[in-house]
Amino acid sequence: MRKAKVIYKNEWAGILTQHDDGSFEFLYQDAWLNDVAKPPVSLTLPKQKAPYYAEFLFPFFYHMLPEGSNKQTVCYHLKIDENDYFGILMATAKSDAIGAVRIVKMEEL
């Protein structure tokens, strides 16, 4: 199992988990849920107490991944399998993300 913090505008919004079977889970932090001024991280992931589950990486997070030659370069230099979407996401979206959301390994914060 691998976990990462989902950071929205430098505030911890939730946890993204990849389970050992390859499925994914996203769970909002209670503090984020209880603050009505805090928006959902994505329109496809509205704020709710129950975790979201998916067999594949949620589209919102998948679309944060590099593509084409950028993806190949990242995978080559960081020695990440091109099909390891969660690994690529954690390696690239911690600081080089477009928009308000960043993904950071749990132990890096």
PDB file of N, CA and C in Angstrom:
ATOM      1  N   MET A   1       0.849  -1.176   0.000  1.00  0.00           N
ATOM      2  CA  MET A   1       0.000   0.000   0.000  1.00  0.00           C
ATOM      3  C   MET A   1       0.889   1.231   0.000  1.00  0.00           C
ATOM      4  N   ARG A   2       0.502   2.201  -0.824  1.00  0.00           N
ATOM      5  CA  ARG A   2       1.223   3.479  -0.872  1.00  0.00           C
ATOM      6  C   ARG A   2       0.223   4.599  -0.631  1.00  0.00           C
ATOM      7  N   LYS A   3       0.670   5.609   0.101  1.00  0.00           N
ATOM      8  CA  LYS A   3      -0.200   6.736   0.425  1.00  0.00           C
ATOM      9  C   LYS A   3       0.473   8.051   0.101  1.00  0.00           C
ATOM     10  N   ALA A   4      -0.366   9.016  -0.262  1.00  0.00           N
ATOM     11  CA  ALA A   4       0.134  10.363  -0.530  1.00  0.00           C
ATOM     12  C   ALA A   4      -0.878  11.382  -0.029  1.00  0.00           C
ATOM     13  N   LYS A   5      -0.360  12.504   0.401  1.00  0.00           N
ATOM     14  CA  LYS A   5      -1.231  13.608   0.809  1.00  0.00           C
ATOM     15  C   LYS A   5      -1.618  14.409  -0.422  1.00  0.00           C
ATOM     16  N   VAL A   6      -2.870  14.797  -0.464  1.00  0.00           N
ATOM     17  CA  VAL A   6      -3.358  15.671  -1.518  1.00  0.00           C
ATOM     18  C   VAL A   6      -3.375  17.071  -0.919  1.00  0.00           C
ATOM     19  N   ILE A   7      -2.559  17.939  -1.481  1.00  0.00           N
ATOM     20  CA  ILE A   7      -2.395  19.295  -0.971  1.00  0.00           C
ATOM     21  C   ILE A   7      -3.105  20.256  -1.924  1.00  0.00           C
ATOM     22  N   TYR A   8      -4.010  21.056  -1.380  1.00  0.00           N
ATOM     23  CA  TYR A   8      -4.745  22.041  -2.171  1.00  0.00           C
ATOM     24  C   TYR A   8      -4.342  23.423  -1.677  1.00  0.00           C
ATOM     25  N   LYS A   9      -3.700  24.194  -2.534  1.00  0.00           N
ATOM     26  CA  LYS A   9      -3.211  25.532  -2.167  1.00  0.00           C
ATOM     27  C   LYS A   9      -2.453  25.500  -0.843  1.00  0.00           C
ATOM     28  N   ASN A  10      -1.534  24.564  -0.745  1.00  0.00           N
ATOM     29  CA  ASN A  10      -0.656  24.395   0.425  1.00  0.00           C
ATOM     30  C   ASN A  10      -1.366  23.973   1.702  1.00  0.00           C
ATOM     31  N   GLU A  11      -2.571  23.434   1.596  1.00  0.00           N
ATOM     32  CA  GLU A  11      -3.280  22.898   2.754  1.00  0.00           C
ATOM     33  C   GLU A  11      -3.649  21.445   2.479  1.00  0.00           C
ATOM     34  N   TRP A  12      -3.538  20.625   3.507  1.00  0.00           N
ATOM     35  CA  TRP A  12      -3.812  19.204   3.396  1.00  0.00           C
ATOM     36  C   TRP A  12      -5.311  18.982   3.246  1.00  0.00           C
ATOM     37  N   ALA A  13      -5.717  18.484   2.084  1.00  0.00           N
ATOM     38  CA  ALA A  13      -7.136  18.275   1.799  1.00  0.00           C
ATOM     39  C   ALA A  13      -7.564  16.824   1.960  1.00  0.00           C
ATOM     40  N   GLY A  14      -6.678  15.879   1.668  1.00  0.00           N
ATOM     41  CA  GLY A  14      -7.073  14.480   1.752  1.00  0.00           C
ATOM     42  C   GLY A  14      -5.908  13.534   1.537  1.00  0.00           C
ATOM     43  N   ILE A  15      -6.243  12.243   1.511  1.00  0.00           N
ATOM     44  CA  ILE A  15      -5.242  11.197   1.327  1.00  0.00           C
ATOM     45  C   ILE A  15      -5.629  10.347   0.125  1.00  0.00           C
ATOM     46  N   LEU A  16      -4.664  10.140  -0.758  1.00  0.00           N
ATOM     47  CA  LEU A  16      -4.825   9.250  -1.898  1.00  0.00           C
ATOM     48  C   LEU A  16      -4.024   7.994  -1.598  1.00  0.00           C
ATOM     49  N   THR A  17      -4.678   6.838  -1.702  1.00  0.00           N
ATOM     50  CA  THR A  17      -4.053   5.564  -1.370  1.00  0.00           C
ATOM     51  C   THR A  17      -4.129   4.619  -2.556  1.00  0.00           C
ATOM     52  N   GLN A  18      -3.032   3.916  -2.812  1.00  0.00           N
ATOM     53  CA  GLN A  18      -3.064   2.800  -3.747  1.00  0.00           C
ATOM     54  C   GLN A  18      -2.910   1.537  -2.919  1.00  0.00           C
ATOM     55  N   HIS A  19      -3.912   0.668  -2.980  1.00  0.00           N
ATOM     56  CA  HIS A  19      -3.885  -0.579  -2.226  1.00  0.00           C
ATOM     57  C   HIS A  19      -3.025  -1.619  -2.953  1.00  0.00           C
ATOM     58  N   ASP A  20      -2.666  -2.666  -2.241  1.00  0.00           N
ATOM     59  CA  ASP A  20      -1.812  -3.709  -2.793  1.00  0.00           C
ATOM     60  C   ASP A  20      -2.426  -4.398  -4.009  1.00  0.00           C
ATOM     61  N   ASP A  21      -3.751  -4.407  -4.118  1.00  0.00           N
ATOM     62  CA  ASP A  21      -4.401  -5.033  -5.278  1.00  0.00           C
ATOM     63  C   ASP A  21      -4.466  -4.086  -6.481  1.00  0.00           C
ATOM     64  N   GLY A  22      -3.904  -2.884  -6.346  1.00  0.00           N
ATOM     65  CA  GLY A  22      -3.877  -1.919  -7.444  1.00  0.00           C
ATOM     66  C   GLY A  22      -5.046  -0.951  -7.457  1.00  0.00           C
ATOM     67  N   SER A  23      -6.015  -1.138  -6.567  1.00  0.00           N
ATOM     68  CA  SER A  23      -7.156  -0.221  -6.508  1.00  0.00           C
ATOM     69  C   SER A  23      -6.765   1.054  -5.761  1.00  0.00           C
ATOM     70  N   PHE A  24      -7.616   2.060  -5.896  1.00  0.00           N
ATOM     71  CA  PHE A  24      -7.328   3.368  -5.309  1.00  0.00           C
ATOM     72  C   PHE A  24      -8.442   3.829  -4.385  1.00  0.00           C
ATOM     73  N   GLU A  25      -8.059   4.691  -3.457  1.00  0.00           N
ATOM     74  CA  GLU A  25      -9.006   5.277  -2.512  1.00  0.00           C
ATOM     75  C   GLU A  25      -8.626   6.742  -2.309  1.00  0.00           C
ATOM     76  N   PHE A  26      -9.636   7.591  -2.238  1.00  0.00           N
ATOM     77  CA  PHE A  26      -9.398   8.990  -1.881  1.00  0.00           C
ATOM     78  C   PHE A  26     -10.316   9.337  -0.735  1.00  0.00           C
ATOM     79  N   LEU A  27      -9.754   9.947   0.311  1.00  0.00           N
ATOM     80  CA  LEU A  27     -10.514  10.307   1.501  1.00  0.00           C
ATOM     81  C   LEU A  27     -10.163  11.734   1.905  1.00  0.00           C
ATOM     82  N   TYR A  28     -11.196  12.560   2.065  1.00  0.00           N
ATOM     83  CA  TYR A  28     -10.981  13.931   2.533  1.00  0.00           C
ATOM     84  C   TYR A  28     -10.626  13.932   4.015  1.00  0.00           C
ATOM     85  N   GLN A  29      -9.777  14.863   4.413  1.00  0.00           N
ATOM     86  CA  GLN A  29      -9.465  15.087   5.820  1.00  0.00           C
ATOM     87  C   GLN A  29     -10.690  15.691   6.498  1.00  0.00           C
ATOM     88  N   ASP A  30     -10.917  15.355   7.768  1.00  0.00           N
ATOM     89  CA  ASP A  30     -12.072  15.877   8.498  1.00  0.00           C
ATOM     90  C   ASP A  30     -12.059  17.400   8.561  1.00  0.00           C
ATOM     91  N   ALA A  31     -10.907  17.991   8.801  1.00  0.00           N
ATOM     92  CA  ALA A  31     -10.820  19.454   8.895  1.00  0.00           C
ATOM     93  C   ALA A  31     -11.232  20.101   7.576  1.00  0.00           C
ATOM     94  N   TRP A  32     -10.878  19.484   6.461  1.00  0.00           N
ATOM     95  CA  TRP A  32     -11.248  20.015   5.143  1.00  0.00           C
ATOM     96  C   TRP A  32     -12.756  19.896   4.934  1.00  0.00           C
ATOM     97  N   LEU A  33     -13.298  18.754   5.325  1.00  0.00           N
ATOM     98  CA  LEU A  33     -14.744  18.533   5.172  1.00  0.00           C
ATOM     99  C   LEU A  33     -15.561  19.502   6.012  1.00  0.00           C
ATOM    100  N   ASN A  34     -15.113  19.759   7.227  1.00  0.00           N
ATOM    101  CA  ASN A  34     -15.882  20.578   8.161  1.00  0.00           C
ATOM    102  C   ASN A  34     -15.820  22.073   7.868  1.00  0.00           C
ATOM    103  N   ASP A  35     -14.907  22.494   7.024  1.00  0.00           N
ATOM    104  CA  ASP A  35     -14.786  23.904   6.671  1.00  0.00           C
ATOM    105  C   ASP A  35     -15.570  24.158   5.384  1.00  0.00           C
ATOM    106  N   VAL A  36     -16.709  24.825   5.497  1.00  0.00           N
ATOM    107  CA  VAL A  36     -17.574  25.038   4.327  1.00  0.00           C
ATOM    108  C   VAL A  36     -16.917  25.945   3.281  1.00  0.00           C
ATOM    109  N   ALA A  37     -15.899  26.677   3.666  1.00  0.00           N
ATOM    110  CA  ALA A  37     -15.207  27.554   2.720  1.00  0.00           C
ATOM    111  C   ALA A  37     -14.235  26.779   1.826  1.00  0.00           C
ATOM    112  N   LYS A  38     -13.895  25.553   2.215  1.00  0.00           N
ATOM    113  CA  LYS A  38     -12.954  24.747   1.434  1.00  0.00           C
ATOM    114  C   LYS A  38     -13.699  24.038   0.305  1.00  0.00           C
ATOM    115  N   PRO A  39     -13.220  24.173  -0.928  1.00  0.00           N
ATOM    116  CA  PRO A  39     -13.882  23.528  -2.064  1.00  0.00           C
ATOM    117  C   PRO A  39     -13.448  22.066  -2.198  1.00  0.00           C
ATOM    118  N   PRO A  40     -14.153  21.292  -2.998  1.00  0.00           N
ATOM    119  CA  PRO A  40     -13.657  19.951  -3.316  1.00  0.00           C
ATOM    120  C   PRO A  40     -12.385  20.084  -4.161  1.00  0.00           C
ATOM    121  N   VAL A  41     -11.527  19.088  -4.123  1.00  0.00           N
ATOM    122  CA  VAL A  41     -10.304  19.156  -4.926  1.00  0.00           C
ATOM    123  C   VAL A  41     -10.628  19.031  -6.405  1.00  0.00           C
ATOM    124  N   SER A  42     -11.770  18.447  -6.720  1.00  0.00           N
ATOM    125  CA  SER A  42     -12.212  18.277  -8.098  1.00  0.00           C
ATOM    126  C   SER A  42     -13.733  18.202  -8.116  1.00  0.00           C
ATOM    127  N   LEU A  43     -14.332  18.656  -9.209  1.00  0.00           N
ATOM    128  CA  LEU A  43     -15.780  18.530  -9.340  1.00  0.00           C
ATOM    129  C   LEU A  43     -16.200  17.068  -9.402  1.00  0.00           C
ATOM    130  N   THR A  44     -15.286  16.199  -9.819  1.00  0.00           N
ATOM    131  CA  THR A  44     -15.591  14.770  -9.888  1.00  0.00           C
ATOM    132  C   THR A  44     -15.420  14.066  -8.546  1.00  0.00           C
ATOM    133  N   LEU A  45     -14.913  14.787  -7.540  1.00  0.00           N
ATOM    134  CA  LEU A  45     -14.743  14.255  -6.188  1.00  0.00           C
ATOM    135  C   LEU A  45     -15.377  15.214  -5.181  1.00  0.00           C
ATOM    136  N   PRO A  46     -16.712  15.342  -5.193  1.00  0.00           N
ATOM    137  CA  PRO A  46     -17.367  16.252  -4.255  1.00  0.00           C
ATOM    138  C   PRO A  46     -17.041  15.890  -2.803  1.00  0.00           C
ATOM    139  N   LYS A  47     -17.086  16.876  -1.945  1.00  0.00           N
ATOM    140  CA  LYS A  47     -16.784  16.637  -0.537  1.00  0.00           C
ATOM    141  C   LYS A  47     -17.808  15.676   0.058  1.00  0.00           C
ATOM    142  N   GLN A  48     -17.290  14.622   0.717  1.00  0.00           N
ATOM    143  CA  GLN A  48     -18.134  13.664   1.430  1.00  0.00           C
ATOM    144  C   GLN A  48     -17.276  12.960   2.471  1.00  0.00           C
ATOM    145  N   LYS A  49     -17.925  12.441   3.515  1.00  0.00           N
ATOM    146  CA  LYS A  49     -17.188  11.743   4.574  1.00  0.00           C
ATOM    147  C   LYS A  49     -16.688  10.378   4.137  1.00  0.00           C
ATOM    148  N   ALA A  50     -17.464   9.689   3.334  1.00  0.00           N
ATOM    149  CA  ALA A  50     -17.083   8.342   2.893  1.00  0.00           C
ATOM    150  C   ALA A  50     -15.962   8.418   1.864  1.00  0.00           C
ATOM    151  N   PRO A  51     -15.062   7.453   1.898  1.00  0.00           N
ATOM    152  CA  PRO A  51     -13.987   7.449   0.899  1.00  0.00           C
ATOM    153  C   PRO A  51     -14.512   7.097  -0.486  1.00  0.00           C
ATOM    154  N   TYR A  52     -13.803   7.564  -1.484  1.00  0.00           N
ATOM    155  CA  TYR A  52     -14.064   7.191  -2.873  1.00  0.00           C
ATOM    156  C   TYR A  52     -13.169   5.993  -3.192  1.00  0.00           C
ATOM    157  N   TYR A  53     -13.698   5.036  -3.942  1.00  0.00           N
ATOM    158  CA  TYR A  53     -12.935   3.865  -4.358  1.00  0.00           C
ATOM    159  C   TYR A  53     -12.972   3.750  -5.869  1.00  0.00           C
ATOM    160  N   ALA A  54     -11.870   3.245  -6.452  1.00  0.00           N
ATOM    161  CA  ALA A  54     -11.819   3.021  -7.897  1.00  0.00           C
ATOM    162  C   ALA A  54     -10.808   1.919  -8.203  1.00  0.00           C
ATOM    163  N   GLU A  55     -11.067   1.182  -9.260  1.00  0.00           N
ATOM    164  CA  GLU A  55     -10.140   0.141  -9.713  1.00  0.00           C
ATOM    165  C   GLU A  55      -8.914   0.753 -10.390  1.00  0.00           C
ATOM    166  N   PHE A  56      -9.084   1.966 -10.933  1.00  0.00           N
ATOM    167  CA  PHE A  56      -8.014   2.668 -11.640  1.00  0.00           C
ATOM    168  C   PHE A  56      -7.815   4.023 -10.992  1.00  0.00           C
ATOM    169  N   LEU A  57      -6.676   4.638 -11.270  1.00  0.00           N
ATOM    170  CA  LEU A  57      -6.403   5.969 -10.734  1.00  0.00           C
ATOM    171  C   LEU A  57      -7.511   6.922 -11.164  1.00  0.00           C
ATOM    172  N   PHE A  58      -8.041   7.668 -10.219  1.00  0.00           N
ATOM    173  CA  PHE A  58      -9.135   8.597 -10.496  1.00  0.00           C
ATOM    174  C   PHE A  58      -8.749   9.526 -11.649  1.00  0.00           C
ATOM    175  N   PRO A  59      -9.668   9.793 -12.580  1.00  0.00           N
ATOM    176  CA  PRO A  59      -9.340  10.625 -13.744  1.00  0.00           C
ATOM    177  C   PRO A  59      -8.715  11.973 -13.374  1.00  0.00           C
ATOM    178  N   PHE A  60      -9.188  12.597 -12.311  1.00  0.00           N
ATOM    179  CA  PHE A  60      -8.630  13.888 -11.909  1.00  0.00           C
ATOM    180  C   PHE A  60      -7.127  13.773 -11.686  1.00  0.00           C
ATOM    181  N   PHE A  61      -6.696  12.739 -10.970  1.00  0.00           N
ATOM    182  CA  PHE A  61      -5.274  12.562 -10.675  1.00  0.00           C
ATOM    183  C   PHE A  61      -4.516  12.044 -11.895  1.00  0.00           C
ATOM    184  N   TYR A  62      -5.150  11.189 -12.678  1.00  0.00           N
ATOM    185  CA  TYR A  62      -4.522  10.666 -13.889  1.00  0.00           C
ATOM    186  C   TYR A  62      -4.141  11.793 -14.845  1.00  0.00           C
ATOM    187  N   HIS A  63      -4.990  12.792 -14.934  1.00  0.00           N
ATOM    188  CA  HIS A  63      -4.735  13.896 -15.866  1.00  0.00           C
ATOM    189  C   HIS A  63      -3.665  14.868 -15.363  1.00  0.00           C
ATOM    190  N   MET A  64      -3.137  14.616 -14.179  1.00  0.00           N
ATOM    191  CA  MET A  64      -2.006  15.396 -13.676  1.00  0.00           C
ATOM    192  C   MET A  64      -0.677  14.797 -14.145  1.00  0.00           C
ATOM    193  N   LEU A  65      -0.717  13.614 -14.756  1.00  0.00           N
ATOM    194  CA  LEU A  65       0.503  12.913 -15.173  1.00  0.00           C
ATOM    195  C   LEU A  65       1.100  13.527 -16.441  1.00  0.00           C
ATOM    196  N   PRO A  66       2.432  13.473 -16.554  1.00  0.00           N
ATOM    197  CA  PRO A  66       3.057  13.903 -17.815  1.00  0.00           C
ATOM    198  C   PRO A  66       2.700  12.906 -18.916  1.00  0.00           C
ATOM    199  N   GLU A  67       2.788  13.370 -20.161  1.00  0.00           N
ATOM    200  CA  GLU A  67       2.441  12.523 -21.300  1.00  0.00           C
ATOM    201  C   GLU A  67       3.594  12.472 -22.293  1.00  0.00           C
ATOM    202  N   GLY A  68       3.524  11.492 -23.193  1.00  0.00           N
ATOM    203  CA  GLY A  68       4.455  11.407 -24.314  1.00  0.00           C
ATOM    204  C   GLY A  68       5.905  11.352 -23.901  1.00  0.00           C
ATOM    205  N   SER A  69       6.712  12.168 -24.574  1.00  0.00           N
ATOM    206  CA  SER A  69       8.156  12.145 -24.321  1.00  0.00           C
ATOM    207  C   SER A  69       8.493  12.640 -22.917  1.00  0.00           C
ATOM    208  N   ASN A  70       7.667  13.522 -22.353  1.00  0.00           N
ATOM    209  CA  ASN A  70       7.905  13.970 -20.970  1.00  0.00           C
ATOM    210  C   ASN A  70       7.763  12.796 -20.000  1.00  0.00           C
ATOM    211  N   LYS A  71       6.740  11.978 -20.212  1.00  0.00           N
ATOM    212  CA  LYS A  71       6.535  10.796 -19.366  1.00  0.00           C
ATOM    213  C   LYS A  71       7.699   9.829 -19.520  1.00  0.00           C
ATOM    214  N   GLN A  72       8.129   9.592 -20.755  1.00  0.00           N
ATOM    215  CA  GLN A  72       9.250   8.681 -21.001  1.00  0.00           C
ATOM    216  C   GLN A  72      10.517   9.171 -20.315  1.00  0.00           C
ATOM    217  N   THR A  73      10.768  10.459 -20.397  1.00  0.00           N
ATOM    218  CA  THR A  73      11.951  11.042 -19.767  1.00  0.00           C
ATOM    219  C   THR A  73      11.907  10.879 -18.255  1.00  0.00           C
ATOM    220  N   VAL A  74      10.750  11.195 -17.650  1.00  0.00           N
ATOM    221  CA  VAL A  74      10.583  11.055 -16.200  1.00  0.00           C
ATOM    222  C   VAL A  74      10.809   9.611 -15.786  1.00  0.00           C
ATOM    223  N   CYS A  75      10.180   8.686 -16.480  1.00  0.00           N
ATOM    224  CA  CYS A  75      10.291   7.268 -16.132  1.00  0.00           C
ATOM    225  C   CYS A  75      11.720   6.762 -16.287  1.00  0.00           C
ATOM    226  N   TYR A  76      12.390   7.193 -17.340  1.00  0.00           N
ATOM    227  CA  TYR A  76      13.766   6.764 -17.574  1.00  0.00           C
ATOM    228  C   TYR A  76      14.689   7.278 -16.469  1.00  0.00           C
ATOM    229  N   HIS A  77      14.628   8.563 -16.190  1.00  0.00           N
ATOM    230  CA  HIS A  77      15.550   9.162 -15.220  1.00  0.00           C
ATOM    231  C   HIS A  77      15.253   8.754 -13.784  1.00  0.00           C
ATOM    232  N   LEU A  78      13.993   8.539 -13.463  1.00  0.00           N
ATOM    233  CA  LEU A  78      13.633   8.167 -12.093  1.00  0.00           C
ATOM    234  C   LEU A  78      13.464   6.664 -11.915  1.00  0.00           C
ATOM    235  N   LYS A  79      13.657   5.920 -13.004  1.00  0.00           N
ATOM    236  CA  LYS A  79      13.535   4.462 -12.982  1.00  0.00           C
ATOM    237  C   LYS A  79      12.171   4.015 -12.454  1.00  0.00           C
ATOM    238  N   ILE A  80      11.133   4.573 -13.063  1.00  0.00           N
ATOM    239  CA  ILE A  80       9.751   4.244 -12.712  1.00  0.00           C
ATOM    240  C   ILE A  80       9.118   3.556 -13.916  1.00  0.00           C
ATOM    241  N   ASP A  81       8.429   2.479 -13.681  1.00  0.00           N
ATOM    242  CA  ASP A  81       7.718   1.783 -14.756  1.00  0.00           C
ATOM    243  C   ASP A  81       6.680   2.725 -15.356  1.00  0.00           C
ATOM    244  N   GLU A  82       6.550   2.731 -16.673  1.00  0.00           N
ATOM    245  CA  GLU A  82       5.609   3.639 -17.344  1.00  0.00           C
ATOM    246  C   GLU A  82       4.153   3.354 -16.999  1.00  0.00           C
ATOM    247  N   ASN A  83       3.864   2.181 -16.458  1.00  0.00           N
ATOM    248  CA  ASN A  83       2.497   1.843 -16.044  1.00  0.00           C
ATOM    249  C   ASN A  83       2.250   2.086 -14.560  1.00  0.00           C
ATOM    250  N   ASP A  84       3.260   2.584 -13.846  1.00  0.00           N
ATOM    251  CA  ASP A  84       3.124   2.878 -12.415  1.00  0.00           C
ATOM    252  C   ASP A  84       2.625   4.315 -12.255  1.00  0.00           C
ATOM    253  N   TYR A  85       1.356   4.498 -12.518  1.00  0.00           N
ATOM    254  CA  TYR A  85       0.782   5.847 -12.508  1.00  0.00           C
ATOM    255  C   TYR A  85       0.901   6.516 -11.145  1.00  0.00           C
ATOM    256  N   PHE A  86       0.705   5.758 -10.087  1.00  0.00           N
ATOM    257  CA  PHE A  86       0.803   6.346  -8.751  1.00  0.00           C
ATOM    258  C   PHE A  86       2.239   6.790  -8.473  1.00  0.00           C
ATOM    259  N   GLY A  87       3.202   5.970  -8.852  1.00  0.00           N
ATOM    260  CA  GLY A  87       4.610   6.335  -8.669  1.00  0.00           C
ATOM    261  C   GLY A  87       4.992   7.569  -9.454  1.00  0.00           C
ATOM    262  N   ILE A  88       4.524   7.640 -10.696  1.00  0.00           N
ATOM    263  CA  ILE A  88       4.799   8.824 -11.524  1.00  0.00           C
ATOM    264  C   ILE A  88       4.141  10.053 -10.915  1.00  0.00           C
ATOM    265  N   LEU A  89       2.909   9.892 -10.454  1.00  0.00           N
ATOM    266  CA  LEU A  89       2.179  11.003  -9.839  1.00  0.00           C
ATOM    267  C   LEU A  89       2.924  11.536  -8.622  1.00  0.00           C
ATOM    268  N   MET A  90       3.378  10.634  -7.748  1.00  0.00           N
ATOM    269  CA  MET A  90       4.097  11.077  -6.552  1.00  0.00           C
ATOM    270  C   MET A  90       5.435  11.727  -6.898  1.00  0.00           C
ATOM    271  N   ALA A  91       6.058  11.276  -7.978  1.00  0.00           N
ATOM    272  CA  ALA A  91       7.360  11.827  -8.357  1.00  0.00           C
ATOM    273  C   ALA A  91       7.248  13.183  -9.038  1.00  0.00           C
ATOM    274  N   THR A  92       6.169  13.411  -9.764  1.00  0.00           N
ATOM    275  CA  THR A  92       6.082  14.631 -10.562  1.00  0.00           C
ATOM    276  C   THR A  92       5.139  15.688 -10.007  1.00  0.00           C
ATOM    277  N   ALA A  93       4.102  15.289  -9.311  1.00  0.00           N
ATOM    278  CA  ALA A  93       3.086  16.259  -8.886  1.00  0.00           C
ATOM    279  C   ALA A  93       3.335  16.844  -7.503  1.00  0.00           C
ATOM    280  N   LYS A  94       4.502  16.563  -6.931  1.00  0.00           N
ATOM    281  CA  LYS A  94       4.785  17.147  -5.616  1.00  0.00           C
ATOM    282  C   LYS A  94       5.211  18.603  -5.716  1.00  0.00           C
ATOM    283  N   SER A  95       5.797  18.969  -6.860  1.00  0.00           N
ATOM    284  CA  SER A  95       6.239  20.357  -7.009  1.00  0.00           C
ATOM    285  C   SER A  95       5.984  20.906  -8.401  1.00  0.00           C
ATOM    286  N   ASP A  96       5.824  20.031  -9.375  1.00  0.00           N
ATOM    287  CA  ASP A  96       5.682  20.470 -10.754  1.00  0.00           C
ATOM    288  C   ASP A  96       4.266  20.196 -11.254  1.00  0.00           C
ATOM    289  N   ALA A  97       3.287  20.745 -10.559  1.00  0.00           N
ATOM    290  CA  ALA A  97       1.889  20.492 -10.914  1.00  0.00           C
ATOM    291  C   ALA A  97       1.240  21.780 -11.422  1.00  0.00           C
ATOM    292  N   ILE A  98       0.359  21.606 -12.389  1.00  0.00           N
ATOM    293  CA  ILE A  98      -0.410  22.740 -12.891  1.00  0.00           C
ATOM    294  C   ILE A  98      -1.674  22.838 -12.039  1.00  0.00           C
ATOM    295  N   GLY A  99      -1.974  24.010 -11.578  1.00  0.00           N
ATOM    296  CA  GLY A  99      -3.176  24.189 -10.781  1.00  0.00           C
ATOM    297  C   GLY A  99      -2.884  24.211  -9.294  1.00  0.00           C
ATOM    298  N   ALA A 100      -3.936  24.069  -8.511  1.00  0.00           N
ATOM    299  CA  ALA A 100      -3.847  24.248  -7.070  1.00  0.00           C
ATOM    300  C   ALA A 100      -3.498  22.977  -6.304  1.00  0.00           C
ATOM    301  N   VAL A 101      -3.504  21.822  -6.968  1.00  0.00           N
ATOM    302  CA  VAL A 101      -3.332  20.547  -6.276  1.00  0.00           C
ATOM    303  C   VAL A 101      -1.935  19.983  -6.496  1.00  0.00           C
ATOM    304  N   ARG A 102      -1.345  19.520  -5.390  1.00  0.00           N
ATOM    305  CA  ARG A 102      -0.064  18.817  -5.426  1.00  0.00           C
ATOM    306  C   ARG A 102      -0.247  17.473  -4.723  1.00  0.00           C
ATOM    307  N   ILE A 103       0.599  16.509  -5.059  1.00  0.00           N
ATOM    308  CA  ILE A 103       0.562  15.184  -4.453  1.00  0.00           C
ATOM    309  C   ILE A 103       1.920  14.933  -3.820  1.00  0.00           C
ATOM    310  N   VAL A 104       1.943  14.627  -2.510  1.00  0.00           N
ATOM    311  CA  VAL A 104       3.188  14.462  -1.788  1.00  0.00           C
ATOM    312  C   VAL A 104       3.146  13.161  -1.000  1.00  0.00           C
ATOM    313  N   LYS A 105       4.222  12.364  -1.130  1.00  0.00           N
ATOM    314  CA  LYS A 105       4.314  11.120  -0.350  1.00  0.00           C
ATOM    315  C   LYS A 105       4.117  11.439   1.119  1.00  0.00           C
ATOM    316  N   MET A 106       3.482  10.538   1.825  1.00  0.00           N
ATOM    317  CA  MET A 106       3.196  10.763   3.248  1.00  0.00           C
ATOM    318  C   MET A 106       4.461  11.056   4.047  1.00  0.00           C
ATOM    319  N   GLU A 107       5.557  10.359   3.788  1.00  0.00           N
ATOM    320  CA  GLU A 107       6.775  10.549   4.581  1.00  0.00           C
ATOM    321  C   GLU A 107       7.553  11.793   4.209  1.00  0.00           C
ATOM    322  N   GLU A 108       7.186  12.491   3.112  1.00  0.00           N
ATOM    323  CA  GLU A 108       7.934  13.680   2.688  1.00  0.00           C
ATOM    324  C   GLU A 108       7.470  14.951   3.384  1.00  0.00           C
ATOM    325  N   LEU A 109       6.331  14.929   4.039  1.00  0.00           N
ATOM    326  CA  LEU A 109       5.856  16.153   4.687  1.00  0.00           C
ATOM    327  C   LEU A 109       6.282  16.246   6.122  1.00  0.00           C
TER     328      LEU A 109
END
